[in-house]
Every structure is written in C-alpha cells, then in structure tokens.
Amino acid sequence: MPTALWIAHVTVTDAEAYGKYAVAAGPAIAAHGGKFLARGGRHVQLEGTDRPRNVVARFPSLEAAVACYNSAEYQAALAHAKGASIRDLCVVEEAE
C-alpha cells in the first residue's frame, strides 16, 4: 500500500489560537502514523496562491491520513485553527 502525503498551505490570521492548534495537532497526527517532513520552512512559490506556512506530513496510507483528519483528537485541535487561519489541505498518495 503506498504511503500518502498530507499537504497544507496556511495563512495564519491569529497566531495565539493557531499555536493551540499546532500543539494539539502534532500528537493526533503522530497517533495515526504521521511524520512531519516540512513545517513552515523556507519555500519558493512558483505558481498559484502563496501561503506563508506550508506543512507536509507522511502517513502510512491515504486511509490513515483521512482517518487522522476525521478523528476526534484532530477535530478538537482543528477547532483552534478555524477562524485563526486560511487553509488548503489535501492528501496525495505517493508514487511507488
């Protein structure tokens, strides 16, 4: 089964509330086998809408990533990000 990448492009509008999201989201992501590959580091926007924060996490499968997103733990964390950020999030299977 191919692994999957959780790719988020984020503009933070309330750093304090978003910080609470980040603290709570990490353990929820790890509990579903997710491992951060990139977290807000330097980037170059070549096309599309630029967001200052970009996050990539690898999961054991697309299903594990979606289960993480839908989990009670992640949804509780996400409540802090709503209204504190503008986000685009997708999950993509990696090529074998």
PDB file of N, CA and C in Angstrom:
ATOM      1  N   MET A   1       0.856  -1.175   0.000  1.00  0.00           N
ATOM      2  CA  MET A   1       0.000   0.000   0.000  1.00  0.00           C
ATOM      3  C   MET A   1       0.904   1.240   0.000  1.00  0.00           C
ATOM      4  N   PRO A   2       0.653   2.188  -0.902  1.00  0.00           N
ATOM      5  CA  PRO A   2       1.505   3.380  -0.939  1.00  0.00           C
ATOM      6  C   PRO A   2       1.279   4.296   0.261  1.00  0.00           C
ATOM      7  N   THR A   3       2.353   4.968   0.646  1.00  0.00           N
ATOM      8  CA  THR A   3       2.239   5.989   1.673  1.00  0.00           C
ATOM      9  C   THR A   3       1.537   7.207   1.073  1.00  0.00           C
ATOM     10  N   ALA A   4       1.182   8.158   1.929  1.00  0.00           N
ATOM     11  CA  ALA A   4       0.455   9.343   1.459  1.00  0.00           C
ATOM     12  C   ALA A   4       1.027  10.589   2.118  1.00  0.00           C
ATOM     13  N   LEU A   5       0.945  11.686   1.410  1.00  0.00           N
ATOM     14  CA  LEU A   5       1.395  12.973   1.918  1.00  0.00           C
ATOM     15  C   LEU A   5       0.198  13.861   2.215  1.00  0.00           C
ATOM     16  N   TRP A   6       0.201  14.444   3.397  1.00  0.00           N
ATOM     17  CA  TRP A   6      -0.781  15.427   3.850  1.00  0.00           C
ATOM     18  C   TRP A   6      -0.114  16.765   3.591  1.00  0.00           C
ATOM     19  N   ILE A   7      -0.678  17.569   2.705  1.00  0.00           N
ATOM     20  CA  ILE A   7      -0.053  18.821   2.284  1.00  0.00           C
ATOM     21  C   ILE A   7      -0.987  19.969   2.632  1.00  0.00           C
ATOM     22  N   ALA A   8      -0.503  20.869   3.480  1.00  0.00           N
ATOM     23  CA  ALA A   8      -1.310  22.017   3.910  1.00  0.00           C
ATOM     24  C   ALA A   8      -0.588  23.305   3.545  1.00  0.00           C
ATOM     25  N   HIS A   9      -1.348  24.251   3.013  1.00  0.00           N
ATOM     26  CA  HIS A   9      -0.860  25.596   2.720  1.00  0.00           C
ATOM     27  C   HIS A   9      -1.688  26.529   3.595  1.00  0.00           C
ATOM     28  N   VAL A  10      -1.023  27.324   4.438  1.00  0.00           N
ATOM     29  CA  VAL A  10      -1.721  28.037   5.504  1.00  0.00           C
ATOM     30  C   VAL A  10      -1.292  29.500   5.580  1.00  0.00           C
ATOM     31  N   THR A  11      -2.275  30.364   5.789  1.00  0.00           N
ATOM     32  CA  THR A  11      -2.036  31.740   6.208  1.00  0.00           C
ATOM     33  C   THR A  11      -2.611  31.856   7.606  1.00  0.00           C
ATOM     34  N   VAL A  12      -1.767  32.136   8.583  1.00  0.00           N
ATOM     35  CA  VAL A  12      -2.207  32.269   9.974  1.00  0.00           C
ATOM     36  C   VAL A  12      -2.721  33.687  10.187  1.00  0.00           C
ATOM     37  N   THR A  13      -3.939  33.795  10.723  1.00  0.00           N
ATOM     38  CA  THR A  13      -4.531  35.112  10.993  1.00  0.00           C
ATOM     39  C   THR A  13      -4.615  35.418  12.484  1.00  0.00           C
ATOM     40  N   ASP A  14      -4.469  34.401  13.331  1.00  0.00           N
ATOM     41  CA  ASP A  14      -4.464  34.564  14.787  1.00  0.00           C
ATOM     42  C   ASP A  14      -3.419  33.602  15.347  1.00  0.00           C
ATOM     43  N   ALA A  15      -2.212  34.123  15.571  1.00  0.00           N
ATOM     44  CA  ALA A  15      -1.087  33.280  15.963  1.00  0.00           C
ATOM     45  C   ALA A  15      -1.323  32.555  17.286  1.00  0.00           C
ATOM     46  N   GLU A  16      -1.965  33.193  18.239  1.00  0.00           N
ATOM     47  CA  GLU A  16      -2.190  32.557  19.540  1.00  0.00           C
ATOM     48  C   GLU A  16      -3.106  31.339  19.405  1.00  0.00           C
ATOM     49  N   ALA A  17      -4.233  31.508  18.731  1.00  0.00           N
ATOM     50  CA  ALA A  17      -5.159  30.394  18.550  1.00  0.00           C
ATOM     51  C   ALA A  17      -4.535  29.304  17.683  1.00  0.00           C
ATOM     52  N   TYR A  18      -3.818  29.702  16.650  1.00  0.00           N
ATOM     53  CA  TYR A  18      -3.203  28.712  15.771  1.00  0.00           C
ATOM     54  C   TYR A  18      -2.119  27.926  16.511  1.00  0.00           C
ATOM     55  N   GLY A  19      -1.444  28.575  17.429  1.00  0.00           N
ATOM     56  CA  GLY A  19      -0.457  27.891  18.252  1.00  0.00           C
ATOM     57  C   GLY A  19      -1.084  26.763  19.060  1.00  0.00           C
ATOM     58  N   LYS A  20      -2.289  26.981  19.557  1.00  0.00           N
ATOM     59  CA  LYS A  20      -3.004  25.926  20.286  1.00  0.00           C
ATOM     60  C   LYS A  20      -3.311  24.760  19.351  1.00  0.00           C
ATOM     61  N   TYR A  21      -3.688  25.077  18.113  1.00  0.00           N
ATOM     62  CA  TYR A  21      -3.933  24.031  17.116  1.00  0.00           C
ATOM     63  C   TYR A  21      -2.657  23.210  16.909  1.00  0.00           C
ATOM     64  N   ALA A  22      -1.537  23.886  16.690  1.00  0.00           N
ATOM     65  CA  ALA A  22      -0.284  23.195  16.390  1.00  0.00           C
ATOM     66  C   ALA A  22       0.129  22.261  17.523  1.00  0.00           C
ATOM     67  N   VAL A  23      -0.038  22.707  18.755  1.00  0.00           N
ATOM     68  CA  VAL A  23       0.315  21.877  19.915  1.00  0.00           C
ATOM     69  C   VAL A  23      -0.547  20.618  19.969  1.00  0.00           C
ATOM     70  N   ALA A  24      -1.840  20.756  19.718  1.00  0.00           N
ATOM     71  CA  ALA A  24      -2.754  19.611  19.811  1.00  0.00           C
ATOM     72  C   ALA A  24      -2.728  18.730  18.569  1.00  0.00           C
ATOM     73  N   ALA A  25      -2.449  19.303  17.410  1.00  0.00           N
ATOM     74  CA  ALA A  25      -2.483  18.531  16.165  1.00  0.00           C
ATOM     75  C   ALA A  25      -1.323  17.545  16.075  1.00  0.00           C
ATOM     76  N   GLY A  26      -0.149  17.934  16.567  1.00  0.00           N
ATOM     77  CA  GLY A  26       1.024  17.063  16.473  1.00  0.00           C
ATOM     78  C   GLY A  26       0.798  15.671  17.034  1.00  0.00           C
ATOM     79  N   PRO A  27       0.325  15.542  18.274  1.00  0.00           N
ATOM     80  CA  PRO A  27       0.080  14.209  18.820  1.00  0.00           C
ATOM     81  C   PRO A  27      -1.004  13.435  18.064  1.00  0.00           C
ATOM     82  N   ALA A  28      -2.025  14.121  17.573  1.00  0.00           N
ATOM     83  CA  ALA A  28      -3.077  13.437  16.812  1.00  0.00           C
ATOM     84  C   ALA A  28      -2.505  12.879  15.509  1.00  0.00           C
ATOM     85  N   ILE A  29      -1.669  13.653  14.860  1.00  0.00           N
ATOM     86  CA  ILE A  29      -1.045  13.203  13.612  1.00  0.00           C
ATOM     87  C   ILE A  29      -0.106  12.024  13.894  1.00  0.00           C
ATOM     88  N   ALA A  30       0.713  12.127  14.928  1.00  0.00           N
ATOM     89  CA  ALA A  30       1.629  11.039  15.280  1.00  0.00           C
ATOM     90  C   ALA A  30       0.870   9.763  15.639  1.00  0.00           C
ATOM     91  N   ALA A  31      -0.264   9.896  16.309  1.00  0.00           N
ATOM     92  CA  ALA A  31      -1.054   8.726  16.715  1.00  0.00           C
ATOM     93  C   ALA A  31      -1.581   7.940  15.513  1.00  0.00           C
ATOM     94  N   HIS A  32      -1.654   8.589  14.360  1.00  0.00           N
ATOM     95  CA  HIS A  32      -2.125   7.923  13.146  1.00  0.00           C
ATOM     96  C   HIS A  32      -0.970   7.577  12.206  1.00  0.00           C
ATOM     97  N   GLY A  33       0.234   7.592  12.750  1.00  0.00           N
ATOM     98  CA  GLY A  33       1.406   7.204  11.966  1.00  0.00           C
ATOM     99  C   GLY A  33       1.993   8.320  11.134  1.00  0.00           C
ATOM    100  N   GLY A  34       1.531   9.549  11.334  1.00  0.00           N
ATOM    101  CA  GLY A  34       2.036  10.676  10.558  1.00  0.00           C
ATOM    102  C   GLY A  34       3.375  11.163  11.070  1.00  0.00           C
ATOM    103  N   LYS A  35       4.233  11.567  10.140  1.00  0.00           N
ATOM    104  CA  LYS A  35       5.549  12.118  10.473  1.00  0.00           C
ATOM    105  C   LYS A  35       5.744  13.388   9.654  1.00  0.00           C
ATOM    106  N   PHE A  36       6.091  14.487  10.315  1.00  0.00           N
ATOM    107  CA  PHE A  36       6.290  15.745   9.613  1.00  0.00           C
ATOM    108  C   PHE A  36       7.563  15.710   8.772  1.00  0.00           C
ATOM    109  N   LEU A  37       7.438  16.146   7.534  1.00  0.00           N
ATOM    110  CA  LEU A  37       8.578  16.269   6.630  1.00  0.00           C
ATOM    111  C   LEU A  37       8.961  17.735   6.444  1.00  0.00           C
ATOM    112  N   ALA A  38       7.979  18.602   6.498  1.00  0.00           N
ATOM    113  CA  ALA A  38       8.219  20.050   6.375  1.00  0.00           C
ATOM    114  C   ALA A  38       7.178  20.750   7.225  1.00  0.00           C
ATOM    115  N   ARG A  39       7.612  21.827   7.887  1.00  0.00           N
ATOM    116  CA  ARG A  39       6.720  22.547   8.802  1.00  0.00           C
ATOM    117  C   ARG A  39       7.078  24.024   8.804  1.00  0.00           C
ATOM    118  N   GLY A  40       6.575  24.755   7.815  1.00  0.00           N
ATOM    119  CA  GLY A  40       6.755  26.196   7.817  1.00  0.00           C
ATOM    120  C   GLY A  40       8.145  26.682   7.464  1.00  0.00           C
ATOM    121  N   GLY A  41       8.969  25.842   6.852  1.00  0.00           N
ATOM    122  CA  GLY A  41      10.319  26.262   6.483  1.00  0.00           C
ATOM    123  C   GLY A  41      10.318  27.175   5.260  1.00  0.00           C
ATOM    124  N   ARG A  42      11.506  27.497   4.827  1.00  0.00           N
ATOM    125  CA  ARG A  42      11.637  28.344   3.638  1.00  0.00           C
ATOM    126  C   ARG A  42      10.987  27.675   2.442  1.00  0.00           C
ATOM    127  N   HIS A  43      10.436  28.482   1.557  1.00  0.00           N
ATOM    128  CA  HIS A  43       9.835  27.954   0.343  1.00  0.00           C
ATOM    129  C   HIS A  43       9.901  29.006  -0.759  1.00  0.00           C
ATOM    130  N   VAL A  44       9.701  28.548  -1.974  1.00  0.00           N
ATOM    131  CA  VAL A  44       9.610  29.423  -3.130  1.00  0.00           C
ATOM    132  C   VAL A  44       8.304  29.101  -3.835  1.00  0.00           C
ATOM    133  N   GLN A  45       7.432  30.073  -3.955  1.00  0.00           N
ATOM    134  CA  GLN A  45       6.147  29.884  -4.638  1.00  0.00           C
ATOM    135  C   GLN A  45       6.364  30.111  -6.121  1.00  0.00           C
ATOM    136  N   LEU A  46       6.188  29.076  -6.920  1.00  0.00           N
ATOM    137  CA  LEU A  46       6.409  29.188  -8.356  1.00  0.00           C
ATOM    138  C   LEU A  46       5.114  29.399  -9.132  1.00  0.00           C
ATOM    139  N   GLU A  47       4.008  28.908  -8.618  1.00  0.00           N
ATOM    140  CA  GLU A  47       2.711  29.083  -9.269  1.00  0.00           C
ATOM    141  C   GLU A  47       1.630  29.111  -8.198  1.00  0.00           C
ATOM    142  N   GLY A  48       0.483  29.668  -8.532  1.00  0.00           N
ATOM    143  CA  GLY A  48      -0.670  29.633  -7.644  1.00  0.00           C
ATOM    144  C   GLY A  48      -0.583  30.615  -6.492  1.00  0.00           C
ATOM    145  N   THR A  49      -1.447  30.390  -5.508  1.00  0.00           N
ATOM    146  CA  THR A  49      -1.572  31.276  -4.359  1.00  0.00           C
ATOM    147  C   THR A  49      -0.497  30.976  -3.323  1.00  0.00           C
ATOM    148  N   ASP A  50       0.238  31.995  -2.952  1.00  0.00           N
ATOM    149  CA  ASP A  50       1.283  31.820  -1.942  1.00  0.00           C
ATOM    150  C   ASP A  50       0.671  31.878  -0.549  1.00  0.00           C
ATOM    151  N   ARG A  51       1.032  30.944   0.281  1.00  0.00           N
ATOM    152  CA  ARG A  51       0.671  30.952   1.696  1.00  0.00           C
ATOM    153  C   ARG A  51       1.985  30.901   2.467  1.00  0.00           C
ATOM    154  N   PRO A  52       2.127  31.697   3.516  1.00  0.00           N
ATOM    155  CA  PRO A  52       3.420  31.765   4.205  1.00  0.00           C
ATOM    156  C   PRO A  52       3.812  30.509   4.972  1.00  0.00           C
ATOM    157  N   ARG A  53       2.859  29.625   5.286  1.00  0.00           N
ATOM    158  CA  ARG A  53       3.184  28.415   6.046  1.00  0.00           C
ATOM    159  C   ARG A  53       2.775  27.198   5.220  1.00  0.00           C
ATOM    160  N   ASN A  54       3.706  26.297   5.027  1.00  0.00           N
ATOM    161  CA  ASN A  54       3.452  25.074   4.274  1.00  0.00           C
ATOM    162  C   ASN A  54       3.881  23.890   5.128  1.00  0.00           C
ATOM    163  N   VAL A  55       3.024  22.877   5.195  1.00  0.00           N
ATOM    164  CA  VAL A  55       3.278  21.717   6.046  1.00  0.00           C
ATOM    165  C   VAL A  55       3.072  20.453   5.223  1.00  0.00           C
ATOM    166  N   VAL A  56       4.025  19.526   5.350  1.00  0.00           N
ATOM    167  CA  VAL A  56       3.914  18.230   4.689  1.00  0.00           C
ATOM    168  C   VAL A  56       4.157  17.152   5.739  1.00  0.00           C
ATOM    169  N   ALA A  57       3.250  16.191   5.803  1.00  0.00           N
ATOM    170  CA  ALA A  57       3.415  15.044   6.701  1.00  0.00           C
ATOM    171  C   ALA A  57       3.200  13.770   5.893  1.00  0.00           C
ATOM    172  N   ARG A  58       3.983  12.747   6.200  1.00  0.00           N
ATOM    173  CA  ARG A  58       3.816  11.449   5.530  1.00  0.00           C
ATOM    174  C   ARG A  58       3.041  10.519   6.460  1.00  0.00           C
ATOM    175  N   PHE A  59       2.074   9.810   5.889  1.00  0.00           N
ATOM    176  CA  PHE A  59       1.279   8.818   6.608  1.00  0.00           C
ATOM    177  C   PHE A  59       1.476   7.455   5.973  1.00  0.00           C
ATOM    178  N   PRO A  60       1.209   6.380   6.712  1.00  0.00           N
ATOM    179  CA  PRO A  60       1.374   5.032   6.161  1.00  0.00           C
ATOM    180  C   PRO A  60       0.487   4.758   4.948  1.00  0.00           C
ATOM    181  N   SER A  61      -0.646   5.473   4.851  1.00  0.00           N
ATOM    182  CA  SER A  61      -1.571   5.277   3.736  1.00  0.00           C
ATOM    183  C   SER A  61      -2.497   6.483   3.626  1.00  0.00           C
ATOM    184  N   LEU A  62      -3.160   6.588   2.502  1.00  0.00           N
ATOM    185  CA  LEU A  62      -4.165   7.634   2.326  1.00  0.00           C
ATOM    186  C   LEU A  62      -5.273   7.476   3.366  1.00  0.00           C
ATOM    187  N   GLU A  63      -5.652   6.226   3.615  1.00  0.00           N
ATOM    188  CA  GLU A  63      -6.715   5.960   4.583  1.00  0.00           C
ATOM    189  C   GLU A  63      -6.318   6.402   5.988  1.00  0.00           C
ATOM    190  N   ALA A  64      -5.055   6.197   6.372  1.00  0.00           N
ATOM    191  CA  ALA A  64      -4.593   6.627   7.696  1.00  0.00           C
ATOM    192  C   ALA A  64      -4.637   8.143   7.815  1.00  0.00           C
ATOM    193  N   ALA A  65      -4.273   8.843   6.745  1.00  0.00           N
ATOM    194  CA  ALA A  65      -4.306  10.308   6.769  1.00  0.00           C
ATOM    195  C   ALA A  65      -5.730  10.826   6.900  1.00  0.00           C
ATOM    196  N   VAL A  66      -6.647  10.229   6.170  1.00  0.00           N
ATOM    197  CA  VAL A  66      -8.049  10.652   6.241  1.00  0.00           C
ATOM    198  C   VAL A  66      -8.638  10.300   7.602  1.00  0.00           C
ATOM    199  N   ALA A  67      -8.280   9.137   8.132  1.00  0.00           N
ATOM    200  CA  ALA A  67      -8.750   8.753   9.473  1.00  0.00           C
ATOM    201  C   ALA A  67      -8.236   9.736  10.517  1.00  0.00           C
ATOM    202  N   CYS A  68      -7.006  10.185  10.369  1.00  0.00           N
ATOM    203  CA  CYS A  68      -6.455  11.179  11.289  1.00  0.00           C
ATOM    204  C   CYS A  68      -7.289  12.451  11.230  1.00  0.00           C
ATOM    205  N   TYR A  69      -7.533  12.944  10.028  1.00  0.00           N
ATOM    206  CA  TYR A  69      -8.304  14.181   9.871  1.00  0.00           C
ATOM    207  C   TYR A  69      -9.678  14.053  10.529  1.00  0.00           C
ATOM    208  N   ASN A  70     -10.307  12.913  10.363  1.00  0.00           N
ATOM    209  CA  ASN A  70     -11.662  12.707  10.887  1.00  0.00           C
ATOM    210  C   ASN A  70     -11.703  12.311  12.355  1.00  0.00           C
ATOM    211  N   SER A  71     -10.544  12.067  12.969  1.00  0.00           N
ATOM    212  CA  SER A  71     -10.512  11.617  14.363  1.00  0.00           C
ATOM    213  C   SER A  71     -10.970  12.728  15.313  1.00  0.00           C
ATOM    214  N   ALA A  72     -11.502  12.312  16.447  1.00  0.00           N
ATOM    215  CA  ALA A  72     -11.956  13.274  17.464  1.00  0.00           C
ATOM    216  C   ALA A  72     -10.796  14.139  17.945  1.00  0.00           C
ATOM    217  N   GLU A  73      -9.612  13.542  18.079  1.00  0.00           N
ATOM    218  CA  GLU A  73      -8.450  14.290  18.567  1.00  0.00           C
ATOM    219  C   GLU A  73      -8.045  15.396  17.588  1.00  0.00           C
ATOM    220  N   TYR A  74      -7.996  15.048  16.297  1.00  0.00           N
ATOM    221  CA  TYR A  74      -7.602  16.062  15.322  1.00  0.00           C
ATOM    222  C   TYR A  74      -8.690  17.124  15.168  1.00  0.00           C
ATOM    223  N   GLN A  75      -9.937  16.721  15.176  1.00  0.00           N
ATOM    224  CA  GLN A  75     -11.029  17.690  15.048  1.00  0.00           C
ATOM    225  C   GLN A  75     -11.036  18.665  16.226  1.00  0.00           C
ATOM    226  N   ALA A  76     -10.691  18.182  17.417  1.00  0.00           N
ATOM    227  CA  ALA A  76     -10.590  19.074  18.582  1.00  0.00           C
ATOM    228  C   ALA A  76      -9.464  20.087  18.366  1.00  0.00           C
ATOM    229  N   ALA A  77      -8.339  19.632  17.818  1.00  0.00           N
ATOM    230  CA  ALA A  77      -7.235  20.548  17.510  1.00  0.00           C
ATOM    231  C   ALA A  77      -7.646  21.534  16.426  1.00  0.00           C
ATOM    232  N   LEU A  78      -8.309  21.031  15.400  1.00  0.00           N
ATOM    233  CA  LEU A  78      -8.714  21.850  14.264  1.00  0.00           C
ATOM    234  C   LEU A  78      -9.656  22.980  14.666  1.00  0.00           C
ATOM    235  N   ALA A  79     -10.415  22.779  15.717  1.00  0.00           N
ATOM    236  CA  ALA A  79     -11.321  23.831  16.196  1.00  0.00           C
ATOM    237  C   ALA A  79     -10.552  25.110  16.512  1.00  0.00           C
ATOM    238  N   HIS A  80      -9.284  24.984  16.936  1.00  0.00           N
ATOM    239  CA  HIS A  80      -8.456  26.164  17.226  1.00  0.00           C
ATOM    240  C   HIS A  80      -8.010  26.868  15.950  1.00  0.00           C
ATOM    241  N   ALA A  81      -7.839  26.116  14.861  1.00  0.00           N
ATOM    242  CA  ALA A  81      -7.361  26.693  13.603  1.00  0.00           C
ATOM    243  C   ALA A  81      -8.473  27.400  12.839  1.00  0.00           C
ATOM    244  N   LYS A  82      -9.689  26.935  13.019  1.00  0.00           N
ATOM    245  CA  LYS A  82     -10.812  27.556  12.321  1.00  0.00           C
ATOM    246  C   LYS A  82     -11.002  28.972  12.848  1.00  0.00           C
ATOM    247  N   GLY A  83     -11.037  29.928  11.952  1.00  0.00           N
ATOM    248  CA  GLY A  83     -11.127  31.317  12.360  1.00  0.00           C
ATOM    249  C   GLY A  83      -9.774  31.922  12.699  1.00  0.00           C
ATOM    250  N   ALA A  84      -8.736  31.094  12.767  1.00  0.00           N
ATOM    251  CA  ALA A  84      -7.388  31.564  13.075  1.00  0.00           C
ATOM    252  C   ALA A  84      -6.456  31.392  11.884  1.00  0.00           C
ATOM    253  N   SER A  85      -7.006  30.880  10.781  1.00  0.00           N
ATOM    254  CA  SER A  85      -6.164  30.629   9.612  1.00  0.00           C
ATOM    255  C   SER A  85      -7.020  30.467   8.364  1.00  0.00           C
ATOM    256  N   ILE A  86      -6.364  30.631   7.234  1.00  0.00           N
ATOM    257  CA  ILE A  86      -6.938  30.295   5.937  1.00  0.00           C
ATOM    258  C   ILE A  86      -6.095  29.135   5.439  1.00  0.00           C
ATOM    259  N   ARG A  87      -6.741  28.009   5.167  1.00  0.00           N
ATOM    260  CA  ARG A  87      -6.001  26.781   4.889  1.00  0.00           C
ATOM    261  C   ARG A  87      -6.512  26.072   3.650  1.00  0.00           C
ATOM    262  N   ASP A  88      -5.596  25.458   2.962  1.00  0.00           N
ATOM    263  CA  ASP A  88      -5.901  24.473   1.923  1.00  0.00           C
ATOM    264  C   ASP A  88      -5.194  23.202   2.367  1.00  0.00           C
ATOM    265  N   LEU A  89      -5.891  22.075   2.310  1.00  0.00           N
ATOM    266  CA  LEU A  89      -5.316  20.806   2.749  1.00  0.00           C
ATOM    267  C   LEU A  89      -5.732  19.712   1.783  1.00  0.00           C
ATOM    268  N   CYS A  90      -4.762  18.913   1.362  1.00  0.00           N
ATOM    269  CA  CYS A  90      -5.093  17.746   0.548  1.00  0.00           C
ATOM    270  C   CYS A  90      -4.200  16.596   0.987  1.00  0.00           C
ATOM    271  N   VAL A  91      -4.617  15.393   0.619  1.00  0.00           N
ATOM    272  CA  VAL A  91      -3.830  14.189   0.873  1.00  0.00           C
ATOM    273  C   VAL A  91      -3.593  13.539  -0.479  1.00  0.00           C
ATOM    274  N   VAL A  92      -2.330  13.185  -0.761  1.00  0.00           N
ATOM    275  CA  VAL A  92      -1.951  12.638  -2.037  1.00  0.00           C
ATOM    276  C   VAL A  92      -1.158  11.365  -1.817  1.00  0.00           C
ATOM    277  N   GLU A  93      -1.550  10.290  -2.504  1.00  0.00           N
ATOM    278  CA  GLU A  93      -0.749   9.064  -2.428  1.00  0.00           C
ATOM    279  C   GLU A  93       0.594   9.281  -3.113  1.00  0.00           C
ATOM    280  N   GLU A  94       1.636   8.715  -2.508  1.00  0.00           N
ATOM    281  CA  GLU A  94       2.956   8.802  -3.127  1.00  0.00           C
ATOM    282  C   GLU A  94       3.085   7.752  -4.218  1.00  0.00           C
ATOM    283  N   ALA A  95       3.875   8.074  -5.222  1.00  0.00           N
ATOM    284  CA  ALA A  95       4.141   7.117  -6.301  1.00  0.00           C
ATOM    285  C   ALA A  95       4.994   5.974  -5.751  1.00  0.00           C
ATOM    286  N   GLU A  96       4.735   4.818  -6.231  1.00  0.00           N
ATOM    287  CA  GLU A  96       5.504   3.641  -5.783  1.00  0.00           C
ATOM    288  C   GLU A  96       6.765   3.506  -6.569  1.00  0.00           C
TER     289      GLU A  96
END
